Amino acid sequence: MEDKNFAHIGERLREERLRISMQQVDLADQCGVSRRALSTWEKGEQTPNAAILSVMAGKGIDVLYVVTGKHVGESEGTLAPAERALLQAWRESGDKGRALLSAAAEVLKPE
């Protein structure tokens, strides 16, 4: 595999870590690796193995995107914790709550 492919994997891994609002040290701890190892992956110097990617997937990282650059279909398993909380709020809300969430989503849409 070419080094530039590792760089893209590293960039996407960092992007996903930031998307789920996690610090490097926290993700490293949750994956059972050192911060240095995670930093090495994000720099594109090396890549995580399948076992680590599996753990990352459980934390909300879209590992298909990290590896291939293509996002998996939107599912709860690929949502960041804050995204999951919004989805749960939608599901548990009544008509008024859903109307409020819908209005907020309309305001937040890019123009």
N, C-alpha and C. Protein backbone atom coordinates (compact mmCIF):
# COMPACT_ATOMS: atom_id res chain seq x y z
N MET A 1 0.85 -1.18 0.00
CA MET A 1 0.00 0.00 0.00
C MET A 1 0.89 1.23 0.00
N GLU A 2 0.49 2.24 -0.77
CA GLU A 2 1.27 3.45 -0.86
C GLU A 2 1.15 4.27 0.42
N ASP A 3 2.23 5.01 0.73
CA ASP A 3 2.22 5.85 1.92
C ASP A 3 1.12 6.89 1.88
N LYS A 4 0.82 7.42 0.67
CA LYS A 4 -0.21 8.45 0.60
C LYS A 4 -1.58 7.89 0.99
N ASN A 5 -1.82 6.60 0.78
CA ASN A 5 -3.07 5.99 1.23
C ASN A 5 -3.15 5.98 2.75
N PHE A 6 -2.03 5.71 3.42
CA PHE A 6 -1.99 5.76 4.88
C PHE A 6 -2.31 7.17 5.35
N ALA A 7 -1.79 8.18 4.64
CA ALA A 7 -2.04 9.57 5.03
C ALA A 7 -3.53 9.87 4.96
N HIS A 8 -4.19 9.41 3.92
CA HIS A 8 -5.63 9.66 3.80
C HIS A 8 -6.40 8.94 4.91
N ILE A 9 -5.98 7.74 5.23
CA ILE A 9 -6.62 7.01 6.33
C ILE A 9 -6.44 7.78 7.62
N GLY A 10 -5.25 8.27 7.86
CA GLY A 10 -4.97 9.05 9.06
C GLY A 10 -5.81 10.32 9.14
N GLU A 11 -5.92 11.02 8.02
CA GLU A 11 -6.73 12.25 7.98
C GLU A 11 -8.19 11.94 8.29
N ARG A 12 -8.69 10.86 7.70
CA ARG A 12 -10.09 10.50 7.93
C ARG A 12 -10.32 10.02 9.36
N LEU A 13 -9.35 9.33 9.93
CA LEU A 13 -9.46 8.89 11.32
C LEU A 13 -9.55 10.10 12.24
N ARG A 14 -8.69 11.08 12.01
CA ARG A 14 -8.71 12.30 12.83
C ARG A 14 -10.06 13.02 12.65
N GLU A 15 -10.51 13.11 11.42
CA GLU A 15 -11.80 13.75 11.13
C GLU A 15 -12.94 13.06 11.90
N GLU A 16 -12.94 11.75 11.89
CA GLU A 16 -13.98 11.00 12.60
C GLU A 16 -13.86 11.17 14.11
N ARG A 17 -12.64 11.19 14.63
CA ARG A 17 -12.45 11.39 16.07
C ARG A 17 -13.00 12.75 16.48
N LEU A 18 -12.73 13.76 15.67
CA LEU A 18 -13.24 15.10 15.97
C LEU A 18 -14.76 15.16 15.81
N ARG A 19 -15.29 14.43 14.84
CA ARG A 19 -16.74 14.41 14.64
C ARG A 19 -17.47 13.89 15.88
N ILE A 20 -16.88 12.90 16.53
CA ILE A 20 -17.53 12.37 17.73
C ILE A 20 -17.08 13.10 19.00
N SER A 21 -16.36 14.21 18.79
CA SER A 21 -15.94 15.09 19.90
C SER A 21 -15.12 14.36 20.95
N MET A 22 -14.11 13.64 20.49
CA MET A 22 -13.27 12.90 21.42
C MET A 22 -11.81 13.36 21.28
N GLN A 23 -11.17 13.53 22.42
CA GLN A 23 -9.75 13.88 22.44
C GLN A 23 -8.93 12.65 22.09
N GLN A 24 -7.74 12.88 21.57
CA GLN A 24 -6.86 11.77 21.20
C GLN A 24 -6.62 10.83 22.37
N VAL A 25 -6.30 11.39 23.51
CA VAL A 25 -5.97 10.57 24.67
C VAL A 25 -7.17 9.72 25.10
N ASP A 26 -8.37 10.27 24.99
CA ASP A 26 -9.57 9.53 25.40
C ASP A 26 -9.86 8.36 24.46
N LEU A 27 -9.75 8.62 23.15
CA LEU A 27 -9.98 7.53 22.20
C LEU A 27 -8.91 6.46 22.36
N ALA A 28 -7.67 6.87 22.53
CA ALA A 28 -6.58 5.91 22.73
C ALA A 28 -6.86 5.03 23.95
N ASP A 29 -7.25 5.67 25.05
CA ASP A 29 -7.55 4.91 26.27
C ASP A 29 -8.68 3.91 26.04
N GLN A 30 -9.73 4.35 25.36
CA GLN A 30 -10.88 3.47 25.13
C GLN A 30 -10.56 2.33 24.18
N CYS A 31 -9.53 2.53 23.34
CA CYS A 31 -9.12 1.47 22.41
C CYS A 31 -8.00 0.61 22.98
N GLY A 32 -7.51 0.96 24.16
CA GLY A 32 -6.45 0.18 24.79
C GLY A 32 -5.10 0.35 24.13
N VAL A 33 -4.86 1.53 23.56
CA VAL A 33 -3.57 1.83 22.93
C VAL A 33 -3.02 3.12 23.50
N SER A 34 -1.78 3.40 23.20
CA SER A 34 -1.18 4.64 23.67
C SER A 34 -1.61 5.81 22.80
N ARG A 35 -1.53 6.99 23.35
CA ARG A 35 -1.82 8.21 22.57
C ARG A 35 -0.84 8.31 21.41
N ARG A 36 0.37 7.87 21.65
CA ARG A 36 1.40 7.91 20.60
C ARG A 36 0.99 7.03 19.41
N ALA A 37 0.44 5.85 19.69
CA ALA A 37 -0.01 4.96 18.61
C ALA A 37 -1.10 5.64 17.80
N LEU A 38 -2.08 6.24 18.48
CA LEU A 38 -3.16 6.92 17.79
C LEU A 38 -2.61 8.09 16.97
N SER A 39 -1.69 8.81 17.53
CA SER A 39 -1.07 9.93 16.81
C SER A 39 -0.36 9.43 15.55
N THR A 40 0.33 8.31 15.66
CA THR A 40 1.02 7.72 14.51
C THR A 40 0.03 7.36 13.41
N TRP A 41 -1.14 6.83 13.80
CA TRP A 41 -2.17 6.49 12.82
C TRP A 41 -2.72 7.75 12.16
N GLU A 42 -2.99 8.77 12.98
CA GLU A 42 -3.56 10.00 12.43
C GLU A 42 -2.57 10.73 11.51
N LYS A 43 -1.30 10.56 11.75
CA LYS A 43 -0.28 11.16 10.88
C LYS A 43 -0.10 10.37 9.60
N GLY A 44 -0.69 9.19 9.54
CA GLY A 44 -0.59 8.36 8.35
C GLY A 44 0.70 7.56 8.28
N GLU A 45 1.39 7.43 9.40
CA GLU A 45 2.64 6.68 9.43
C GLU A 45 2.40 5.18 9.53
N GLN A 46 1.29 4.81 10.16
CA GLN A 46 0.87 3.41 10.29
C GLN A 46 -0.65 3.40 10.32
N THR A 47 -1.23 2.22 10.32
CA THR A 47 -2.70 2.12 10.40
C THR A 47 -3.09 1.15 11.52
N PRO A 48 -4.28 1.38 12.10
CA PRO A 48 -4.75 0.47 13.14
C PRO A 48 -5.17 -0.87 12.54
N ASN A 49 -5.12 -1.91 13.35
CA ASN A 49 -5.54 -3.22 12.87
C ASN A 49 -7.06 -3.38 12.99
N ALA A 50 -7.56 -4.48 12.50
CA ALA A 50 -9.00 -4.72 12.47
C ALA A 50 -9.61 -4.74 13.87
N ALA A 51 -8.91 -5.27 14.85
CA ALA A 51 -9.46 -5.33 16.21
C ALA A 51 -9.66 -3.92 16.76
N ILE A 52 -8.70 -3.04 16.52
CA ILE A 52 -8.82 -1.66 16.99
C ILE A 52 -9.93 -0.94 16.23
N LEU A 53 -10.01 -1.17 14.93
CA LEU A 53 -11.07 -0.54 14.14
C LEU A 53 -12.44 -0.98 14.64
N SER A 54 -12.55 -2.23 15.07
CA SER A 54 -13.81 -2.73 15.61
C SER A 54 -14.19 -1.98 16.88
N VAL A 55 -13.22 -1.75 17.74
CA VAL A 55 -13.48 -0.99 18.97
C VAL A 55 -13.90 0.43 18.61
N MET A 56 -13.19 1.03 17.65
CA MET A 56 -13.52 2.40 17.22
C MET A 56 -14.94 2.48 16.68
N ALA A 57 -15.35 1.46 15.95
CA ALA A 57 -16.71 1.43 15.41
C ALA A 57 -17.72 1.48 16.55
N GLY A 58 -17.42 0.79 17.64
CA GLY A 58 -18.30 0.80 18.80
C GLY A 58 -18.37 2.15 19.48
N LYS A 59 -17.41 3.01 19.21
CA LYS A 59 -17.40 4.37 19.78
C LYS A 59 -18.07 5.38 18.86
N GLY A 60 -18.54 4.92 17.69
CA GLY A 60 -19.24 5.80 16.78
C GLY A 60 -18.44 6.23 15.57
N ILE A 61 -17.22 5.74 15.43
CA ILE A 61 -16.39 6.09 14.27
C ILE A 61 -16.84 5.26 13.07
N ASP A 62 -17.02 5.91 11.95
CA ASP A 62 -17.40 5.25 10.71
C ASP A 62 -16.12 4.67 10.11
N VAL A 63 -15.82 3.42 10.45
CA VAL A 63 -14.56 2.81 10.01
C VAL A 63 -14.53 2.54 8.51
N LEU A 64 -15.68 2.34 7.89
CA LEU A 64 -15.69 2.20 6.43
C LEU A 64 -15.17 3.48 5.80
N TYR A 65 -15.61 4.62 6.31
CA TYR A 65 -15.12 5.90 5.81
C TYR A 65 -13.63 6.05 6.08
N VAL A 66 -13.18 5.69 7.27
CA VAL A 66 -11.76 5.81 7.60
C VAL A 66 -10.92 5.02 6.61
N VAL A 67 -11.32 3.81 6.31
CA VAL A 67 -10.52 2.92 5.45
C VAL A 67 -10.69 3.24 3.97
N THR A 68 -11.93 3.51 3.54
CA THR A 68 -12.18 3.64 2.10
C THR A 68 -12.48 5.06 1.62
N GLY A 69 -12.86 5.93 2.54
CA GLY A 69 -13.26 7.27 2.14
C GLY A 69 -14.72 7.36 1.77
N LYS A 70 -15.45 6.25 1.91
CA LYS A 70 -16.88 6.23 1.59
C LYS A 70 -17.66 6.00 2.87
N HIS A 71 -18.65 6.86 3.10
CA HIS A 71 -19.45 6.73 4.32
C HIS A 71 -20.41 5.56 4.21
N VAL A 72 -20.55 4.86 5.31
CA VAL A 72 -21.54 3.80 5.40
C VAL A 72 -22.91 4.47 5.47
N GLY A 73 -23.95 3.76 5.14
CA GLY A 73 -25.29 4.33 5.27
C GLY A 73 -25.52 4.80 6.70
N GLU A 74 -26.25 5.86 6.83
CA GLU A 74 -26.53 6.39 8.17
C GLU A 74 -27.25 5.34 9.00
N SER A 75 -26.66 4.98 10.10
CA SER A 75 -27.28 4.06 11.04
C SER A 75 -26.86 4.48 12.44
N GLU A 76 -27.53 3.99 13.42
CA GLU A 76 -27.19 4.38 14.79
C GLU A 76 -25.76 4.02 15.14
N GLY A 77 -25.24 2.95 14.55
CA GLY A 77 -23.87 2.54 14.85
C GLY A 77 -22.82 3.52 14.37
N THR A 78 -23.16 4.37 13.42
CA THR A 78 -22.19 5.32 12.89
C THR A 78 -22.39 6.72 13.44
N LEU A 79 -23.35 6.91 14.31
CA LEU A 79 -23.61 8.23 14.86
C LEU A 79 -22.73 8.54 16.05
N ALA A 80 -22.33 9.80 16.13
CA ALA A 80 -21.60 10.28 17.31
C ALA A 80 -22.58 10.30 18.48
N PRO A 81 -22.06 10.29 19.72
CA PRO A 81 -22.95 10.29 20.88
C PRO A 81 -23.97 11.44 20.87
N ALA A 82 -23.56 12.64 20.49
CA ALA A 82 -24.49 13.77 20.45
C ALA A 82 -25.57 13.55 19.40
N GLU A 83 -25.20 12.94 18.27
CA GLU A 83 -26.17 12.63 17.23
C GLU A 83 -27.17 11.58 17.72
N ARG A 84 -26.67 10.59 18.43
CA ARG A 84 -27.55 9.56 18.99
C ARG A 84 -28.54 10.16 19.98
N ALA A 85 -28.05 11.13 20.78
CA ALA A 85 -28.91 11.78 21.77
C ALA A 85 -30.05 12.53 21.07
N LEU A 86 -29.74 13.20 19.98
CA LEU A 86 -30.78 13.91 19.22
C LEU A 86 -31.80 12.93 18.64
N LEU A 87 -31.30 11.83 18.10
CA LEU A 87 -32.20 10.83 17.54
C LEU A 87 -33.10 10.26 18.64
N GLN A 88 -32.52 9.98 19.79
CA GLN A 88 -33.30 9.45 20.91
C GLN A 88 -34.35 10.46 21.37
N ALA A 89 -33.96 11.75 21.41
CA ALA A 89 -34.91 12.80 21.80
C ALA A 89 -36.07 12.86 20.81
N TRP A 90 -35.76 12.71 19.52
CA TRP A 90 -36.80 12.70 18.49
C TRP A 90 -37.77 11.54 18.74
N ARG A 91 -37.20 10.37 18.97
CA ARG A 91 -38.02 9.18 19.15
C ARG A 91 -38.90 9.25 20.39
N GLU A 92 -38.41 9.90 21.44
CA GLU A 92 -39.14 9.95 22.70
C GLU A 92 -40.06 11.16 22.81
N SER A 93 -39.97 12.08 21.85
CA SER A 93 -40.75 13.31 21.89
C SER A 93 -42.17 13.10 21.37
N GLY A 94 -43.01 13.96 21.85
CA GLY A 94 -44.36 14.03 21.29
C GLY A 94 -44.36 14.97 20.10
N ASP A 95 -45.55 15.34 19.68
CA ASP A 95 -45.68 16.22 18.51
C ASP A 95 -44.96 17.55 18.70
N LYS A 96 -45.10 18.16 19.89
CA LYS A 96 -44.47 19.46 20.14
C LYS A 96 -42.95 19.35 20.10
N GLY A 97 -42.42 18.32 20.70
CA GLY A 97 -40.96 18.13 20.71
C GLY A 97 -40.41 17.90 19.31
N ARG A 98 -41.12 17.11 18.54
CA ARG A 98 -40.68 16.85 17.16
C ARG A 98 -40.77 18.11 16.31
N ALA A 99 -41.82 18.90 16.55
CA ALA A 99 -41.96 20.16 15.81
C ALA A 99 -40.79 21.10 16.14
N LEU A 100 -40.41 21.14 17.40
CA LEU A 100 -39.29 21.98 17.82
C LEU A 100 -37.98 21.49 17.21
N LEU A 101 -37.74 20.20 17.25
CA LEU A 101 -36.52 19.64 16.65
C LEU A 101 -36.49 19.86 15.14
N SER A 102 -37.63 19.73 14.49
CA SER A 102 -37.70 19.97 13.05
C SER A 102 -37.40 21.43 12.72
N ALA A 103 -37.95 22.34 13.53
CA ALA A 103 -37.70 23.77 13.31
C ALA A 103 -36.21 24.08 13.50
N ALA A 104 -35.60 23.49 14.52
CA ALA A 104 -34.17 23.70 14.75
C ALA A 104 -33.36 23.17 13.59
N ALA A 105 -33.73 22.01 13.07
CA ALA A 105 -33.01 21.43 11.93
C ALA A 105 -33.11 22.33 10.71
N GLU A 106 -34.27 22.95 10.49
CA GLU A 106 -34.43 23.86 9.35
C GLU A 106 -33.53 25.08 9.49
N VAL A 107 -33.41 25.62 10.70
CA VAL A 107 -32.57 26.78 10.94
C VAL A 107 -31.10 26.44 10.71
N LEU A 108 -30.71 25.23 11.05
CA LEU A 108 -29.31 24.82 10.96
C LEU A 108 -28.87 24.36 9.58
N LYS A 109 -29.81 24.16 8.66
CA LYS A 109 -29.45 23.70 7.31
C LYS A 109 -28.56 24.72 6.63
N PRO A 110 -27.51 24.26 5.94
CA PRO A 110 -26.69 25.21 5.19
C PRO A 110 -27.50 25.79 4.02
N GLU A 111 -27.24 27.03 3.72
CA GLU A 111 -27.98 27.68 2.62
C GLU A 111 -27.36 27.40 1.28
